[in-house]
Every structure is written in C-alpha cells, then in structure tokens.
Amino acid sequence: FENTARAMGDAPREIKLRHIGNCMKADPAYGKGVADALGIPLSEVPK
C-alpha cells in the first residue's frame, strides 16, 4: 500500500479518489489499504 501511495505522490486528489474507488471494486480490502496509506477516509470515495 505504501508503494502505491508513494507512486501517486503529487497526483490530484480527484485522481486518488478515483483510483481508490477502482481498487474497492476489485478488492475492498485492497481499496481500504490504499485509502489508509493515502490518508483518505473511505467516506470521501465516490461509490
């Protein structure tokens, strides 16, 4: 998760939110891990 967070570094927040949403669709546990690593609450991720 940390590697993904580092790779997304300066990406705009909306890109990070979209990526987390896509990860959640593939594997909710992975999406949560990415969100946690990025410091973004799941409540902010569009469904």
PDB file of N, CA and C in Angstrom:
ATOM      1  N   PHE A   1       0.821  -1.196   0.000  1.00  0.00           N
ATOM      2  CA  PHE A   1       0.000   0.000   0.000  1.00  0.00           C
ATOM      3  C   PHE A   1       0.867   1.263   0.000  1.00  0.00           C
ATOM      4  N   GLU A   2       1.935   1.201   0.772  1.00  0.00           N
ATOM      5  CA  GLU A   2       2.813   2.372   0.862  1.00  0.00           C
ATOM      6  C   GLU A   2       3.453   2.682  -0.492  1.00  0.00           C
ATOM      7  N   ASN A   3       3.806   1.658  -1.243  1.00  0.00           N
ATOM      8  CA  ASN A   3       4.401   1.868  -2.554  1.00  0.00           C
ATOM      9  C   ASN A   3       3.415   2.574  -3.485  1.00  0.00           C
ATOM     10  N   THR A   4       2.165   2.143  -3.457  1.00  0.00           N
ATOM     11  CA  THR A   4       1.134   2.788  -4.277  1.00  0.00           C
ATOM     12  C   THR A   4       0.962   4.238  -3.854  1.00  0.00           C
ATOM     13  N   ALA A   5       0.932   4.485  -2.548  1.00  0.00           N
ATOM     14  CA  ALA A   5       0.774   5.853  -2.044  1.00  0.00           C
ATOM     15  C   ALA A   5       1.940   6.731  -2.503  1.00  0.00           C
ATOM     16  N   ARG A   6       3.155   6.210  -2.442  1.00  0.00           N
ATOM     17  CA  ARG A   6       4.322   6.986  -2.894  1.00  0.00           C
ATOM     18  C   ARG A   6       4.239   7.260  -4.389  1.00  0.00           C
ATOM     19  N   ALA A   7       3.825   6.262  -5.154  1.00  0.00           N
ATOM     20  CA  ALA A   7       3.748   6.415  -6.607  1.00  0.00           C
ATOM     21  C   ALA A   7       2.707   7.463  -7.005  1.00  0.00           C
ATOM     22  N   MET A   8       1.660   7.602  -6.196  1.00  0.00           N
ATOM     23  CA  MET A   8       0.604   8.572  -6.511  1.00  0.00           C
ATOM     24  C   MET A   8       0.979   9.972  -6.048  1.00  0.00           C
ATOM     25  N   GLY A   9       1.990  10.065  -5.204  1.00  0.00           N
ATOM     26  CA  GLY A   9       2.539  11.317  -4.693  1.00  0.00           C
ATOM     27  C   GLY A   9       1.768  12.589  -4.947  1.00  0.00           C
ATOM     28  N   ASP A  10       2.099  13.270  -6.038  1.00  0.00           N
ATOM     29  CA  ASP A  10       1.536  14.591  -6.321  1.00  0.00           C
ATOM     30  C   ASP A  10       0.310  14.554  -7.223  1.00  0.00           C
ATOM     31  N   ALA A  11      -0.253  13.390  -7.434  1.00  0.00           N
ATOM     32  CA  ALA A  11      -1.454  13.298  -8.279  1.00  0.00           C
ATOM     33  C   ALA A  11      -2.580  14.106  -7.640  1.00  0.00           C
ATOM     34  N   PRO A  12      -3.426  14.713  -8.461  1.00  0.00           N
ATOM     35  CA  PRO A  12      -4.561  15.462  -7.901  1.00  0.00           C
ATOM     36  C   PRO A  12      -5.450  14.557  -7.048  1.00  0.00           C
ATOM     37  N   ARG A  13      -6.068  15.150  -6.039  1.00  0.00           N
ATOM     38  CA  ARG A  13      -6.907  14.391  -5.107  1.00  0.00           C
ATOM     39  C   ARG A  13      -8.004  13.613  -5.833  1.00  0.00           C
ATOM     40  N   GLU A  14      -8.611  14.202  -6.864  1.00  0.00           N
ATOM     41  CA  GLU A  14      -9.696  13.502  -7.559  1.00  0.00           C
ATOM     42  C   GLU A  14      -9.186  12.231  -8.245  1.00  0.00           C
ATOM     43  N   ILE A  15      -7.932  12.236  -8.689  1.00  0.00           N
ATOM     44  CA  ILE A  15      -7.339  11.032  -9.287  1.00  0.00           C
ATOM     45  C   ILE A  15      -7.151   9.965  -8.210  1.00  0.00           C
ATOM     46  N   LYS A  16      -6.682  10.377  -7.048  1.00  0.00           N
ATOM     47  CA  LYS A  16      -6.504   9.435  -5.937  1.00  0.00           C
ATOM     48  C   LYS A  16      -7.843   8.826  -5.537  1.00  0.00           C
ATOM     49  N   LEU A  17      -8.879   9.653  -5.463  1.00  0.00           N
ATOM     50  CA  LEU A  17     -10.206   9.155  -5.095  1.00  0.00           C
ATOM     51  C   LEU A  17     -10.719   8.156  -6.128  1.00  0.00           C
ATOM     52  N   ARG A  18     -10.513   8.464  -7.402  1.00  0.00           N
ATOM     53  CA  ARG A  18     -10.958   7.548  -8.459  1.00  0.00           C
ATOM     54  C   ARG A  18     -10.197   6.228  -8.375  1.00  0.00           C
ATOM     55  N   HIS A  19      -8.890   6.306  -8.126  1.00  0.00           N
ATOM     56  CA  HIS A  19      -8.080   5.090  -8.023  1.00  0.00           C
ATOM     57  C   HIS A  19      -8.547   4.228  -6.846  1.00  0.00           C
ATOM     58  N   ILE A  20      -8.798   4.855  -5.715  1.00  0.00           N
ATOM     59  CA  ILE A  20      -9.287   4.099  -4.554  1.00  0.00           C
ATOM     60  C   ILE A  20     -10.616   3.438  -4.894  1.00  0.00           C
ATOM     61  N   GLY A  21     -11.506   4.168  -5.554  1.00  0.00           N
ATOM     62  CA  GLY A  21     -12.801   3.609  -5.949  1.00  0.00           C
ATOM     63  C   GLY A  21     -12.644   2.390  -6.843  1.00  0.00           C
ATOM     64  N   ASN A  22     -11.718   2.471  -7.803  1.00  0.00           N
ATOM     65  CA  ASN A  22     -11.470   1.328  -8.689  1.00  0.00           C
ATOM     66  C   ASN A  22     -10.900   0.149  -7.911  1.00  0.00           C
ATOM     67  N   CYS A  23     -10.003   0.434  -6.974  1.00  0.00           N
ATOM     68  CA  CYS A  23      -9.437  -0.637  -6.140  1.00  0.00           C
ATOM     69  C   CYS A  23     -10.526  -1.283  -5.294  1.00  0.00           C
ATOM     70  N   MET A  24     -11.442  -0.483  -4.771  1.00  0.00           N
ATOM     71  CA  MET A  24     -12.530  -1.007  -3.942  1.00  0.00           C
ATOM     72  C   MET A  24     -13.399  -1.974  -4.741  1.00  0.00           C
ATOM     73  N   LYS A  25     -13.630  -1.656  -6.019  1.00  0.00           N
ATOM     74  CA  LYS A  25     -14.444  -2.530  -6.863  1.00  0.00           C
ATOM     75  C   LYS A  25     -13.756  -3.874  -7.089  1.00  0.00           C
ATOM     76  N   ALA A  26     -12.434  -3.848  -7.221  1.00  0.00           N
ATOM     77  CA  ALA A  26     -11.684  -5.080  -7.461  1.00  0.00           C
ATOM     78  C   ALA A  26     -11.531  -5.901  -6.185  1.00  0.00           C
ATOM     79  N   ASP A  27     -11.204  -5.218  -5.079  1.00  0.00           N
ATOM     80  CA  ASP A  27     -10.968  -5.898  -3.799  1.00  0.00           C
ATOM     81  C   ASP A  27     -11.119  -4.870  -2.684  1.00  0.00           C
ATOM     82  N   PRO A  28     -12.235  -4.902  -1.963  1.00  0.00           N
ATOM     83  CA  PRO A  28     -12.478  -3.902  -0.918  1.00  0.00           C
ATOM     84  C   PRO A  28     -11.350  -3.782   0.110  1.00  0.00           C
ATOM     85  N   ALA A  29     -10.724  -4.877   0.470  1.00  0.00           N
ATOM     86  CA  ALA A  29      -9.631  -4.814   1.449  1.00  0.00           C
ATOM     87  C   ALA A  29      -8.435  -4.061   0.873  1.00  0.00           C
ATOM     88  N   TYR A  30      -8.150  -4.290  -0.399  1.00  0.00           N
ATOM     89  CA  TYR A  30      -7.043  -3.579  -1.047  1.00  0.00           C
ATOM     90  C   TYR A  30      -7.369  -2.088  -1.149  1.00  0.00           C
ATOM     91  N   GLY A  31      -8.592  -1.770  -1.553  1.00  0.00           N
ATOM     92  CA  GLY A  31      -9.003  -0.370  -1.636  1.00  0.00           C
ATOM     93  C   GLY A  31      -8.869   0.337  -0.308  1.00  0.00           C
ATOM     94  N   LYS A  32      -9.259  -0.328   0.769  1.00  0.00           N
ATOM     95  CA  LYS A  32      -9.133   0.262   2.100  1.00  0.00           C
ATOM     96  C   LYS A  32      -7.668   0.481   2.452  1.00  0.00           C
ATOM     97  N   GLY A  33      -6.821  -0.475   2.104  1.00  0.00           N
ATOM     98  CA  GLY A  33      -5.390  -0.334   2.382  1.00  0.00           C
ATOM     99  C   GLY A  33      -4.782   0.845   1.648  1.00  0.00           C
ATOM    100  N   VAL A  34      -5.155   1.023   0.385  1.00  0.00           N
ATOM    101  CA  VAL A  34      -4.655   2.151  -0.395  1.00  0.00           C
ATOM    102  C   VAL A  34      -5.172   3.460   0.199  1.00  0.00           C
ATOM    103  N   ALA A  35      -6.456   3.504   0.539  1.00  0.00           N
ATOM    104  CA  ALA A  35      -7.036   4.712   1.134  1.00  0.00           C
ATOM    105  C   ALA A  35      -6.319   5.065   2.432  1.00  0.00           C
ATOM    106  N   ASP A  36      -6.084   4.075   3.276  1.00  0.00           N
ATOM    107  CA  ASP A  36      -5.382   4.313   4.539  1.00  0.00           C
ATOM    108  C   ASP A  36      -3.974   4.848   4.289  1.00  0.00           C
ATOM    109  N   ALA A  37      -3.273   4.254   3.332  1.00  0.00           N
ATOM    110  CA  ALA A  37      -1.906   4.683   3.029  1.00  0.00           C
ATOM    111  C   ALA A  37      -1.873   6.114   2.498  1.00  0.00           C
ATOM    112  N   LEU A  38      -2.929   6.502   1.777  1.00  0.00           N
ATOM    113  CA  LEU A  38      -3.007   7.864   1.242  1.00  0.00           C
ATOM    114  C   LEU A  38      -3.593   8.843   2.254  1.00  0.00           C
ATOM    115  N   GLY A  39      -4.102   8.328   3.367  1.00  0.00           N
ATOM    116  CA  GLY A  39      -4.700   9.198   4.379  1.00  0.00           C
ATOM    117  C   GLY A  39      -6.038   9.763   3.953  1.00  0.00           C
ATOM    118  N   ILE A  40      -6.765   9.015   3.136  1.00  0.00           N
ATOM    119  CA  ILE A  40      -8.070   9.464   2.638  1.00  0.00           C
ATOM    120  C   ILE A  40      -9.151   8.564   3.230  1.00  0.00           C
ATOM    121  N   PRO A  41     -10.124   9.153   3.944  1.00  0.00           N
ATOM    122  CA  PRO A  41     -11.210   8.336   4.500  1.00  0.00           C
ATOM    123  C   PRO A  41     -12.083   7.745   3.393  1.00  0.00           C
ATOM    124  N   LEU A  42     -12.526   6.516   3.603  1.00  0.00           N
ATOM    125  CA  LEU A  42     -13.388   5.871   2.609  1.00  0.00           C
ATOM    126  C   LEU A  42     -14.687   6.640   2.400  1.00  0.00           C
ATOM    127  N   SER A  43     -15.108   7.404   3.387  1.00  0.00           N
ATOM    128  CA  SER A  43     -16.348   8.180   3.252  1.00  0.00           C
ATOM    129  C   SER A  43     -16.239   9.242   2.157  1.00  0.00           C
ATOM    130  N   GLU A  44     -15.021   9.600   1.753  1.00  0.00           N
ATOM    131  CA  GLU A  44     -14.825  10.602   0.702  1.00  0.00           C
ATOM    132  C   GLU A  44     -14.758   9.986  -0.692  1.00  0.00           C
ATOM    133  N   VAL A  45     -14.688   8.660  -0.759  1.00  0.00           N
ATOM    134  CA  VAL A  45     -14.538   7.984  -2.047  1.00  0.00           C
ATOM    135  C   VAL A  45     -15.908   7.798  -2.684  1.00  0.00           C
ATOM    136  N   PRO A  46     -16.092   8.319  -3.917  1.00  0.00           N
ATOM    137  CA  PRO A  46     -17.383   8.123  -4.587  1.00  0.00           C
ATOM    138  C   PRO A  46     -17.641   6.641  -4.848  1.00  0.00           C
ATOM    139  N   LYS A  47     -18.891   6.273  -4.763  1.00  0.00           N
ATOM    140  CA  LYS A  47     -19.252   4.865  -4.966  1.00  0.00           C
ATOM    141  C   LYS A  47     -19.617   4.602  -6.403  1.00  0.00           C
TER     142      LYS A  47
END
